[in-house]
C-alpha atoms as a PDB file:
ATOM      1  CA  MET A   1      73.367 129.453  83.619  1.00  0.00           C
ATOM      2  CA  PRO A   2      72.999 131.985  86.453  1.00  0.00           C
ATOM      3  CA  THR A   3      70.419 131.198  89.133  1.00  0.00           C
ATOM      4  CA  VAL A   4      68.029 133.415  91.065  1.00  0.00           C
ATOM      5  CA  LEU A   5      66.572 132.111  94.321  1.00  0.00           C
ATOM      6  CA  VAL A   6      63.107 133.496  95.059  1.00  0.00           C
ATOM      7  CA  THR A   7      61.952 132.982  98.639  1.00  0.00           C
ATOM      8  CA  GLY A   8      58.275 133.389  99.449  1.00  0.00           C
ATOM      9  CA  ALA A   9      57.570 132.271  95.881  1.00  0.00           C
ATOM     10  CA  ALA A  10      53.948 131.375  96.670  1.00  0.00           C
ATOM     11  CA  GLY A  11      53.101 134.852  98.003  1.00  0.00           C
ATOM     12  CA  GLN A  12      51.660 137.921  96.304  1.00  0.00           C
ATOM     13  CA  VAL A  13      54.968 139.308  95.072  1.00  0.00           C
ATOM     14  CA  GLY A  14      56.825 136.009  94.829  1.00  0.00           C
ATOM     15  CA  ARG A  15      54.360 134.594  92.319  1.00  0.00           C
ATOM     16  CA  GLU A  16      54.717 137.710  90.186  1.00  0.00           C
ATOM     17  CA  VAL A  17      58.516 137.407  90.302  1.00  0.00           C
ATOM     18  CA  MET A  18      58.245 133.825  89.102  1.00  0.00           C
ATOM     19  CA  ALA A  19      55.986 134.952  86.246  1.00  0.00           C
ATOM     20  CA  LEU A  20      58.500 137.484  84.921  1.00  0.00           C
ATOM     21  CA  ASP A  21      60.633 136.806  81.872  1.00  0.00           C
ATOM     22  CA  TRP A  22      64.158 135.888  83.011  1.00  0.00           C
ATOM     23  CA  PRO A  23      66.032 135.221  79.758  1.00  0.00           C
ATOM     24  CA  GLY A  24      69.184 133.209  80.364  1.00  0.00           C
ATOM     25  CA  TRP A  25      68.382 132.631  84.045  1.00  0.00           C
ATOM     26  CA  ARG A  26      67.352 129.579  86.030  1.00  0.00           C
ATOM     27  CA  LEU A  27      64.636 130.323  88.591  1.00  0.00           C
ATOM     28  CA  VAL A  28      64.452 128.458  91.877  1.00  0.00           C
ATOM     29  CA  GLY A  29      61.270 129.433  93.699  1.00  0.00           C
ATOM     30  CA  VAL A  30      60.716 128.220  97.250  1.00  0.00           C
ATOM     31  CA  ASP A  31      58.149 128.678  99.959  1.00  0.00           C
ATOM     32  CA  ARG A  32      58.429 127.525 103.552  1.00  0.00           C
ATOM     33  CA  ASP A  33      57.722 123.898 102.623  1.00  0.00           C
ATOM     34  CA  GLN A  34      60.801 123.846 100.409  1.00  0.00           C
ATOM     35  CA  LEU A  35      63.077 126.089 102.489  1.00  0.00           C
ATOM     36  CA  ASP A  36      62.589 127.317 106.048  1.00  0.00           C
ATOM     37  CA  ILE A  37      64.549 130.562 106.040  1.00  0.00           C
ATOM     38  CA  THR A  38      64.321 130.714 109.849  1.00  0.00           C
ATOM     39  CA  ASP A  39      66.696 127.699 109.958  1.00  0.00           C
ATOM     40  CA  ALA A  40      70.256 128.920 109.391  1.00  0.00           C
ATOM     41  CA  ASN A  41      71.598 125.445 108.655  1.00  0.00           C
ATOM     42  CA  ALA A  42      68.856 124.780 106.123  1.00  0.00           C
ATOM     43  CA  VAL A  43      69.591 128.063 104.337  1.00  0.00           C
ATOM     44  CA  ALA A  44      73.320 127.342 104.225  1.00  0.00           C
ATOM     45  CA  ALA A  45      72.804 123.819 102.889  1.00  0.00           C
ATOM     46  CA  PHE A  46      70.246 124.907 100.292  1.00  0.00           C
ATOM     47  CA  THR A  47      72.366 127.735  98.906  1.00  0.00           C
ATOM     48  CA  GLN A  48      75.462 125.547  98.806  1.00  0.00           C
ATOM     49  CA  ARG A  49      73.537 123.009  96.740  1.00  0.00           C
ATOM     50  CA  GLU A  50      71.720 125.429  94.392  1.00  0.00           C
ATOM     51  CA  ARG A  51      74.522 128.027  94.232  1.00  0.00           C
ATOM     52  CA  PRO A  52      72.314 131.053  93.465  1.00  0.00           C
ATOM     53  CA  ASP A  53      73.842 134.176  91.966  1.00  0.00           C
ATOM     54  CA  LEU A  54      71.029 136.385  93.279  1.00  0.00           C
ATOM     55  CA  ILE A  55      68.434 136.136  96.040  1.00  0.00           C
ATOM     56  CA  LEU A  56      65.086 137.947  95.974  1.00  0.00           C
ATOM     57  CA  ASN A  57      63.572 137.633  99.444  1.00  0.00           C
ATOM     58  CA  CYS A  58      59.806 137.943  99.141  1.00  0.00           C
ATOM     59  CA  ALA A  59      59.114 135.922 102.307  1.00  0.00           C
ATOM     60  CA  ALA A  60      57.565 137.714 105.290  1.00  0.00           C
ATOM     61  CA  HIS A  61      55.182 137.439 108.197  1.00  0.00           C
ATOM     62  CA  THR A  62      52.758 140.101 106.968  1.00  0.00           C
ATOM     63  CA  ALA A  63      49.772 139.552 109.272  1.00  0.00           C
ATOM     64  CA  VAL A  64      50.113 142.914 111.011  1.00  0.00           C
ATOM     65  CA  ASP A  65      47.546 142.373 113.757  1.00  0.00           C
ATOM     66  CA  ARG A  66      48.424 138.736 114.374  1.00  0.00           C
ATOM     67  CA  ALA A  67      52.076 139.691 114.761  1.00  0.00           C
ATOM     68  CA  GLU A  68      51.207 141.411 118.031  1.00  0.00           C
ATOM     69  CA  SER A  69      50.488 137.994 119.554  1.00  0.00           C
ATOM     70  CA  GLU A  70      53.045 136.132 117.415  1.00  0.00           C
ATOM     71  CA  ALA A  71      56.116 138.211 118.128  1.00  0.00           C
ATOM     72  CA  GLU A  72      58.492 135.242 118.185  1.00  0.00           C
ATOM     73  CA  LEU A  73      57.285 133.935 114.833  1.00  0.00           C
ATOM     74  CA  SER A  74      57.339 137.419 113.326  1.00  0.00           C
ATOM     75  CA  ASP A  75      60.911 137.915 114.492  1.00  0.00           C
ATOM     76  CA  ALA A  76      61.981 134.540 113.117  1.00  0.00           C
ATOM     77  CA  ILE A  77      60.583 135.227 109.641  1.00  0.00           C
ATOM     78  CA  ASN A  78      61.113 138.987 109.352  1.00  0.00           C
ATOM     79  CA  ARG A  79      64.496 139.338 111.074  1.00  0.00           C
ATOM     80  CA  ALA A  80      66.268 136.001 111.419  1.00  0.00           C
ATOM     81  CA  GLY A  81      65.253 134.727 107.989  1.00  0.00           C
ATOM     82  CA  PRO A  82      66.714 137.680 106.072  1.00  0.00           C
ATOM     83  CA  ALA A  83      69.812 137.534 108.282  1.00  0.00           C
ATOM     84  CA  HIS A  84      70.384 133.887 107.352  1.00  0.00           C
ATOM     85  CA  LEU A  85      69.926 134.610 103.644  1.00  0.00           C
ATOM     86  CA  ALA A  86      72.244 137.613 103.800  1.00  0.00           C
ATOM     87  CA  ALA A  87      74.894 135.599 105.653  1.00  0.00           C
ATOM     88  CA  THR A  88      75.371 133.474 102.519  1.00  0.00           C
ATOM     89  CA  GLY A  89      77.055 136.445 100.856  1.00  0.00           C
ATOM     90  CA  VAL A  90      74.863 136.140  97.760  1.00  0.00           C
ATOM     91  CA  PRO A  91      73.687 139.489  96.332  1.00  0.00           C
ATOM     92  CA  MET A  92      70.216 140.061  97.686  1.00  0.00           C
ATOM     93  CA  VAL A  93      67.097 142.206  97.323  1.00  0.00           C
ATOM     94  CA  HIS A  94      64.943 142.210 100.457  1.00  0.00           C
ATOM     95  CA  ILE A  95      61.381 143.544 100.548  1.00  0.00           C
ATOM     96  CA  SER A  96      60.444 145.692 103.528  1.00  0.00           C
ATOM     97  CA  THR A  97      57.625 148.022 104.500  1.00  0.00           C
ATOM     98  CA  ASP A  98      56.386 151.550 105.139  1.00  0.00           C
ATOM     99  CA  TYR A  99      55.497 150.346 108.654  1.00  0.00           C
ATOM    100  CA  VAL A 100      59.071 150.998 109.784  1.00  0.00           C
ATOM    101  CA  PHE A 101      57.928 154.633 110.199  1.00  0.00           C
ATOM    102  CA  ASP A 102      55.731 156.099 112.918  1.00  0.00           C
ATOM    103  CA  GLY A 103      53.389 157.800 110.460  1.00  0.00           C
ATOM    104  CA  ARG A 104      53.653 161.385 111.650  1.00  0.00           C
ATOM    105  CA  PRO A 105      51.862 163.695 109.224  1.00  0.00           C
ATOM    106  CA  GLY A 106      53.926 165.820 106.887  1.00  0.00           C
ATOM    107  CA  ARG A 107      55.900 165.159 103.730  1.00  0.00           C
ATOM    108  CA  PRO A 108      56.405 161.718 102.179  1.00  0.00           C
ATOM    109  CA  TRP A 109      58.984 159.537 103.926  1.00  0.00           C
ATOM    110  CA  ARG A 110      62.520 159.484 102.525  1.00  0.00           C
ATOM    111  CA  GLU A 111      64.972 156.625 102.868  1.00  0.00           C
ATOM    112  CA  GLY A 112      67.154 158.461 105.382  1.00  0.00           C
ATOM    113  CA  ASP A 113      64.350 159.544 107.700  1.00  0.00           C
ATOM    114  CA  ALA A 114      64.373 158.317 111.273  1.00  0.00           C
ATOM    115  CA  THR A 115      62.403 155.128 111.736  1.00  0.00           C
ATOM    116  CA  GLY A 116      59.946 154.501 114.566  1.00  0.00           C
ATOM    117  CA  PRO A 117      57.763 151.442 114.040  1.00  0.00           C
ATOM    118  CA  LEU A 118      54.526 151.329 116.024  1.00  0.00           C
ATOM    119  CA  GLY A 119      54.129 147.563 116.341  1.00  0.00           C
ATOM    120  CA  VAL A 120      55.735 144.132 116.206  1.00  0.00           C
ATOM    121  CA  TYR A 121      55.432 143.821 112.439  1.00  0.00           C
ATOM    122  CA  GLY A 122      57.230 147.104 111.780  1.00  0.00           C
ATOM    123  CA  ARG A 123      59.883 146.424 114.412  1.00  0.00           C
ATOM    124  CA  THR A 124      60.723 142.987 113.065  1.00  0.00           C
ATOM    125  CA  LYS A 125      60.800 144.228 109.478  1.00  0.00           C
ATOM    126  CA  LEU A 126      63.159 147.030 110.509  1.00  0.00           C
ATOM    127  CA  ALA A 127      65.378 144.488 112.279  1.00  0.00           C
ATOM    128  CA  GLY A 128      65.423 142.475 109.055  1.00  0.00           C
ATOM    129  CA  GLU A 129      66.573 145.502 107.078  1.00  0.00           C
ATOM    130  CA  GLN A 130      69.358 146.092 109.573  1.00  0.00           C
ATOM    131  CA  ALA A 131      70.443 142.450 109.422  1.00  0.00           C
ATOM    132  CA  VAL A 132      70.657 142.540 105.637  1.00  0.00           C
ATOM    133  CA  ALA A 133      72.624 145.784 105.619  1.00  0.00           C
ATOM    134  CA  ALA A 134      75.035 144.448 108.243  1.00  0.00           C
ATOM    135  CA  THR A 135      75.860 141.089 106.698  1.00  0.00           C
ATOM    136  CA  ALA A 136      75.308 141.055 102.941  1.00  0.00           C
ATOM    137  CA  GLY A 137      77.976 142.045 100.460  1.00  0.00           C
ATOM    138  CA  ARG A 138      75.719 143.411  97.729  1.00  0.00           C
ATOM    139  CA  TRP A 139      72.239 144.225  98.948  1.00  0.00           C
ATOM    140  CA  ALA A 140      69.187 146.380  98.483  1.00  0.00           C
ATOM    141  CA  VAL A 141      66.144 146.864 100.685  1.00  0.00           C
ATOM    142  CA  LEU A 142      62.933 147.744  98.879  1.00  0.00           C
ATOM    143  CA  ARG A 143      60.387 149.372 101.157  1.00  0.00           C
ATOM    144  CA  THR A 144      56.896 149.220  99.739  1.00  0.00           C
ATOM    145  CA  ALA A 145      53.317 149.696 100.916  1.00  0.00           C
ATOM    146  CA  TRP A 146      49.686 148.605 100.626  1.00  0.00           C
ATOM    147  CA  VAL A 147      50.417 145.679  98.309  1.00  0.00           C
ATOM    148  CA  PHE A 148      47.630 144.331  96.116  1.00  0.00           C
ATOM    149  CA  GLY A 149      47.494 141.927  93.216  1.00  0.00           C
ATOM    150  CA  ARG A 150      45.995 138.888  91.574  1.00  0.00           C
ATOM    151  CA  HIS A 151      47.328 136.365  94.059  1.00  0.00           C
ATOM    152  CA  GLY A 152      46.888 135.822  97.784  1.00  0.00           C
ATOM    153  CA  ALA A 153      44.840 137.789 100.282  1.00  0.00           C
ATOM    154  CA  ASN A 154      44.788 141.573  99.977  1.00  0.00           C
ATOM    155  CA  PHE A 155      42.647 144.668 100.547  1.00  0.00           C
ATOM    156  CA  VAL A 156      41.166 144.647  97.042  1.00  0.00           C
ATOM    157  CA  LYS A 157      39.836 141.114  97.383  1.00  0.00           C
ATOM    158  CA  THR A 158      38.484 141.887 100.853  1.00  0.00           C
ATOM    159  CA  MET A 159      36.565 144.928  99.608  1.00  0.00           C
ATOM    160  CA  LEU A 160      35.097 142.981  96.702  1.00  0.00           C
ATOM    161  CA  ARG A 161      33.923 140.256  99.061  1.00  0.00           C
ATOM    162  CA  LEU A 162      32.443 142.654 101.611  1.00  0.00           C
ATOM    163  CA  ALA A 163      30.681 144.699  98.924  1.00  0.00           C
ATOM    164  CA  ALA A 164      28.848 141.548  97.871  1.00  0.00           C
ATOM    165  CA  GLU A 165      27.737 140.903 101.454  1.00  0.00           C
ATOM    166  CA  ARG A 166      26.955 144.333 102.918  1.00  0.00           C
ATOM    167  CA  ASP A 167      24.938 147.422 102.096  1.00  0.00           C
ATOM    168  CA  GLU A 168      27.675 149.812 103.226  1.00  0.00           C
ATOM    169  CA  LEU A 169      31.420 149.633 103.777  1.00  0.00           C
ATOM    170  CA  ARG A 170      32.965 151.506 106.696  1.00  0.00           C
ATOM    171  CA  VAL A 171      36.628 152.076 105.860  1.00  0.00           C
ATOM    172  CA  VAL A 172      39.355 154.063 107.594  1.00  0.00           C
ATOM    173  CA  GLY A 173      39.765 157.465 105.982  1.00  0.00           C
ATOM    174  CA  ASP A 174      42.543 159.070 108.038  1.00  0.00           C
ATOM    175  CA  GLN A 175      45.464 156.832 107.041  1.00  0.00           C
ATOM    176  CA  GLN A 176      47.210 157.846 103.837  1.00  0.00           C
ATOM    177  CA  GLY A 177      49.507 155.829 101.608  1.00  0.00           C
ATOM    178  CA  GLY A 178      50.224 154.519  98.145  1.00  0.00           C
ATOM    179  CA  PRO A 179      48.620 151.249  97.012  1.00  0.00           C
ATOM    180  CA  THR A 180      51.239 149.237  95.132  1.00  0.00           C
ATOM    181  CA  PRO A 181      50.596 146.516  92.542  1.00  0.00           C
ATOM    182  CA  ALA A 182      52.467 143.301  93.290  1.00  0.00           C
ATOM    183  CA  ASP A 183      53.590 142.844  89.696  1.00  0.00           C
ATOM    184  CA  ALA A 184      55.226 146.279  89.741  1.00  0.00           C
ATOM    185  CA  ILE A 185      57.087 145.357  92.924  1.00  0.00           C
ATOM    186  CA  ALA A 186      58.263 142.145  91.265  1.00  0.00           C
ATOM    187  CA  ALA A 187      59.553 144.049  88.249  1.00  0.00           C
ATOM    188  CA  ALA A 188      61.355 146.526  90.511  1.00  0.00           C
ATOM    189  CA  CYS A 189      63.001 143.658  92.395  1.00  0.00           C
ATOM    190  CA  GLN A 190      64.220 142.186  89.119  1.00  0.00           C
ATOM    191  CA  THR A 191      65.640 145.494  87.900  1.00  0.00           C
ATOM    192  CA  ILE A 192      67.404 146.198  91.178  1.00  0.00           C
ATOM    193  CA  GLY A 193      68.691 142.642  91.527  1.00  0.00           C
ATOM    194  CA  LEU A 194      70.263 142.640  88.082  1.00  0.00           C
ATOM    195  CA  ALA A 195      71.748 146.079  88.779  1.00  0.00           C
ATOM    196  CA  LEU A 196      73.371 144.754  91.950  1.00  0.00           C
ATOM    197  CA  LEU A 197      75.288 142.274  89.816  1.00  0.00           C
ATOM    198  CA  ASP A 198      76.315 144.756  87.132  1.00  0.00           C
ATOM    199  CA  ARG A 199      76.896 148.006  88.964  1.00  0.00           C
ATOM    200  CA  ALA A 200      78.926 149.096  91.948  1.00  0.00           C
ATOM    201  CA  ASN A 201      77.729 151.423  94.677  1.00  0.00           C
ATOM    202  CA  VAL A 202      73.995 150.770  94.434  1.00  0.00           C
ATOM    203  CA  ASN A 203      73.690 149.097  97.848  1.00  0.00           C
ATOM    204  CA  GLY A 204      71.047 150.742  99.984  1.00  0.00           C
ATOM    205  CA  ILE A 205      67.424 151.272 100.910  1.00  0.00           C
ATOM    206  CA  TYR A 206      64.908 152.321  98.267  1.00  0.00           C
ATOM    207  CA  HIS A 207      61.263 153.348  98.475  1.00  0.00           C
ATOM    208  CA  PHE A 208      58.711 152.110  95.969  1.00  0.00           C
ATOM    209  CA  ALA A 209      54.950 152.677  96.181  1.00  0.00           C
ATOM    210  CA  GLY A 210      52.050 153.469  93.916  1.00  0.00           C
ATOM    211  CA  ALA A 211      50.827 156.962  93.098  1.00  0.00           C
ATOM    212  CA  PRO A 212      48.890 159.113  93.715  1.00  0.00           C
ATOM    213  CA  PRO A 213      48.500 158.974  97.517  1.00  0.00           C
ATOM    214  CA  THR A 214      45.076 158.009  98.799  1.00  0.00           C
ATOM    215  CA  THR A 215      43.343 156.759 101.934  1.00  0.00           C
ATOM    216  CA  TRP A 216      41.993 153.281 102.579  1.00  0.00           C
ATOM    217  CA  ALA A 217      38.503 154.698 102.043  1.00  0.00           C
ATOM    218  CA  GLY A 218      39.564 156.301  98.772  1.00  0.00           C
ATOM    219  CA  PHE A 219      41.156 153.042  97.686  1.00  0.00           C
ATOM    220  CA  ALA A 220      37.935 151.186  98.519  1.00  0.00           C
ATOM    221  CA  GLN A 221      35.867 153.625  96.449  1.00  0.00           C
ATOM    222  CA  ALA A 222      38.193 153.134  93.474  1.00  0.00           C
ATOM    223  CA  ILE A 223      37.972 149.359  93.834  1.00  0.00           C
ATOM    224  CA  LEU A 224      34.186 149.393  93.715  1.00  0.00           C
ATOM    225  CA  ALA A 225      34.145 151.816  90.789  1.00  0.00           C
ATOM    226  CA  ALA A 226      36.502 149.579  88.816  1.00  0.00           C
ATOM    227  CA  SER A 227      34.470 146.478  89.645  1.00  0.00           C
ATOM    228  CA  ALA A 228      31.211 148.134  88.539  1.00  0.00           C
ATOM    229  CA  ALA A 229      32.410 147.948  84.944  1.00  0.00           C
ATOM    230  CA  HIS A 230      32.321 144.165  85.330  1.00  0.00           C
ATOM    231  CA  GLY A 231      28.828 143.997  86.765  1.00  0.00           C
ATOM    232  CA  ARG A 232      29.807 143.935  90.418  1.00  0.00           C
ATOM    233  CA  ARG A 233      27.563 145.495  93.032  1.00  0.00           C
ATOM    234  CA  VAL A 234      28.524 148.988  94.232  1.00  0.00           C
ATOM    235  CA  VAL A 235      27.699 150.063  97.781  1.00  0.00           C
ATOM    236  CA  PRO A 236      28.456 153.316  99.604  1.00  0.00           C
ATOM    237  CA  VAL A 237      31.843 153.672 101.314  1.00  0.00           C
ATOM    238  CA  ARG A 238      31.760 155.621 104.566  1.00  0.00           C
ATOM    239  CA  ALA A 239      35.106 157.014 105.692  1.00  0.00           C
ATOM    240  CA  ILE A 240      35.658 156.500 109.414  1.00  0.00           C
ATOM    241  CA  ALA A 241      38.395 157.467 111.859  1.00  0.00           C
ATOM    242  CA  THR A 242      41.100 155.040 112.928  1.00  0.00           C
ATOM    243  CA  ALA A 243      39.765 155.389 116.464  1.00  0.00           C
ATOM    244  CA  ASP A 244      36.438 153.963 115.278  1.00  0.00           C
ATOM    245  CA  TYR A 245      38.094 150.801 113.990  1.00  0.00           C
ATOM    246  CA  PRO A 246      40.354 149.538 116.796  1.00  0.00           C
ATOM    247  CA  THR A 247      42.886 146.859 115.882  1.00  0.00           C
ATOM    248  CA  PRO A 248      45.552 145.011 117.901  1.00  0.00           C
ATOM    249  CA  ALA A 249      48.333 146.793 115.985  1.00  0.00           C
ATOM    250  CA  LYS A 250      48.687 150.541 115.570  1.00  0.00           C
ATOM    251  CA  ARG A 251      49.135 151.658 111.982  1.00  0.00           C
ATOM    252  CA  PRO A 252      50.933 154.756 110.674  1.00  0.00           C
ATOM    253  CA  ALA A 253      48.664 157.624 109.671  1.00  0.00           C
ATOM    254  CA  ASN A 254      51.112 158.725 106.982  1.00  0.00           C
ATOM    255  CA  SER A 255      52.532 155.885 104.875  1.00  0.00           C
ATOM    256  CA  VAL A 256      53.331 157.964 101.798  1.00  0.00           C
ATOM    257  CA  LEU A 257      56.807 157.134 100.494  1.00  0.00           C
ATOM    258  CA  ASP A 258      59.092 159.468  98.567  1.00  0.00           C
ATOM    259  CA  CYS A 259      60.184 157.417  95.555  1.00  0.00           C
ATOM    260  CA  THR A 260      62.674 159.847  94.026  1.00  0.00           C
ATOM    261  CA  LEU A 261      65.806 157.810  94.791  1.00  0.00           C
ATOM    262  CA  ILE A 262      64.699 154.605  93.067  1.00  0.00           C
ATOM    263  CA  HIS A 263      63.884 156.618  89.957  1.00  0.00           C
ATOM    264  CA  THR A 264      67.181 158.483  89.816  1.00  0.00           C
ATOM    265  CA  THR A 265      69.224 155.342  90.570  1.00  0.00           C
ATOM    266  CA  PHE A 266      67.452 152.701  88.470  1.00  0.00           C
ATOM    267  CA  GLY A 267      64.976 154.601  86.285  1.00  0.00           C
ATOM    268  CA  ILE A 268      62.061 152.915  88.062  1.00  0.00           C
ATOM    269  CA  ALA A 269      58.961 155.112  88.051  1.00  0.00           C
ATOM    270  CA  GLN A 270      56.075 154.947  90.490  1.00  0.00           C
ATOM    271  CA  PRO A 271      53.189 152.873  89.119  1.00  0.00           C
ATOM    272  CA  ASP A 272      49.732 154.412  88.838  1.00  0.00           C
ATOM    273  CA  TRP A 273      47.751 152.113  91.116  1.00  0.00           C
ATOM    274  CA  ARG A 274      44.446 153.209  89.542  1.00  0.00           C
ATOM    275  CA  ALA A 275      45.504 151.957  86.111  1.00  0.00           C
ATOM    276  CA  ALA A 276      46.842 148.735  87.634  1.00  0.00           C
ATOM    277  CA  LEU A 277      43.556 148.201  89.451  1.00  0.00           C
ATOM    278  CA  VAL A 278      41.561 148.559  86.233  1.00  0.00           C
ATOM    279  CA  ARG A 279      43.987 146.243  84.429  1.00  0.00           C
ATOM    280  CA  MET A 280      43.732 143.533  87.078  1.00  0.00           C
ATOM    281  CA  MET A 281      39.995 143.796  87.744  1.00  0.00           C
ATOM    282  CA  PRO A 282      38.789 141.255  85.133  1.00  0.00           C
ATOM    283  CA  GLU A 283      40.857 138.564  86.818  1.00  0.00           C
ATOM    284  CA  LEU A 284      39.985 139.732  90.332  1.00  0.00           C
ATOM    285  CA  VAL A 285      36.226 139.516  89.726  1.00  0.00           C
ATOM    286  CA  SER A 286      36.313 136.256  87.790  1.00  0.00           C
END
């Protein structure tokens, strides 16, 4: 029976990968307690024992602001970890981020556009992409953005909590991107991973994010509107400038990803984040 190794299996996307139907496959899901991907020897020993046919790397240091003061840890998880997994030679799908770009306004970002990360998180994620591309035989990098879902900490859960505590939410309104449901990312990883095993010449970087584009403030307004149908309190959302909400890490103003290539290559369409939000809301408010 073929085996898929899912790293970061306790995270937002990893848990959704583990919940997918994998007929005929054995799933091995690990988090850091079971496998420290920053330890090259541990990765080699684990893969030699479990002999996976496919790796889906959902592990990452995703605390964008904290990464600025945890550069060494961010590098270990976001660069070295993927490098160690890729060095096994097992076909691999690696999740990356829109934060590899500098966010200049204009059209949506395409896979071949010049990168220019603004902070430690983006730089280490870009280094991880490069490590995977340099060492893995069959590989794909899936860049995604603004992840939300039923599990773990995310923007949706934060807005729901703050709306219950405050009379107004002040949310950045000059950063644009595509909120992306974690379960859709998981399904895309599965599709791409299986394609890596069955098809030649699909190695590469692919963009995958929700549609239509919105701002953080627009996303917050949609969250509260969806929660109102379940009796949750709705408060006004005031859009503010990035300059009015200083953070340790700079964030790209334009995180919109062009998702044409993933559709033409694998038939994967952009998810409508608004529909996903409504679908998930009963569980999120319970």
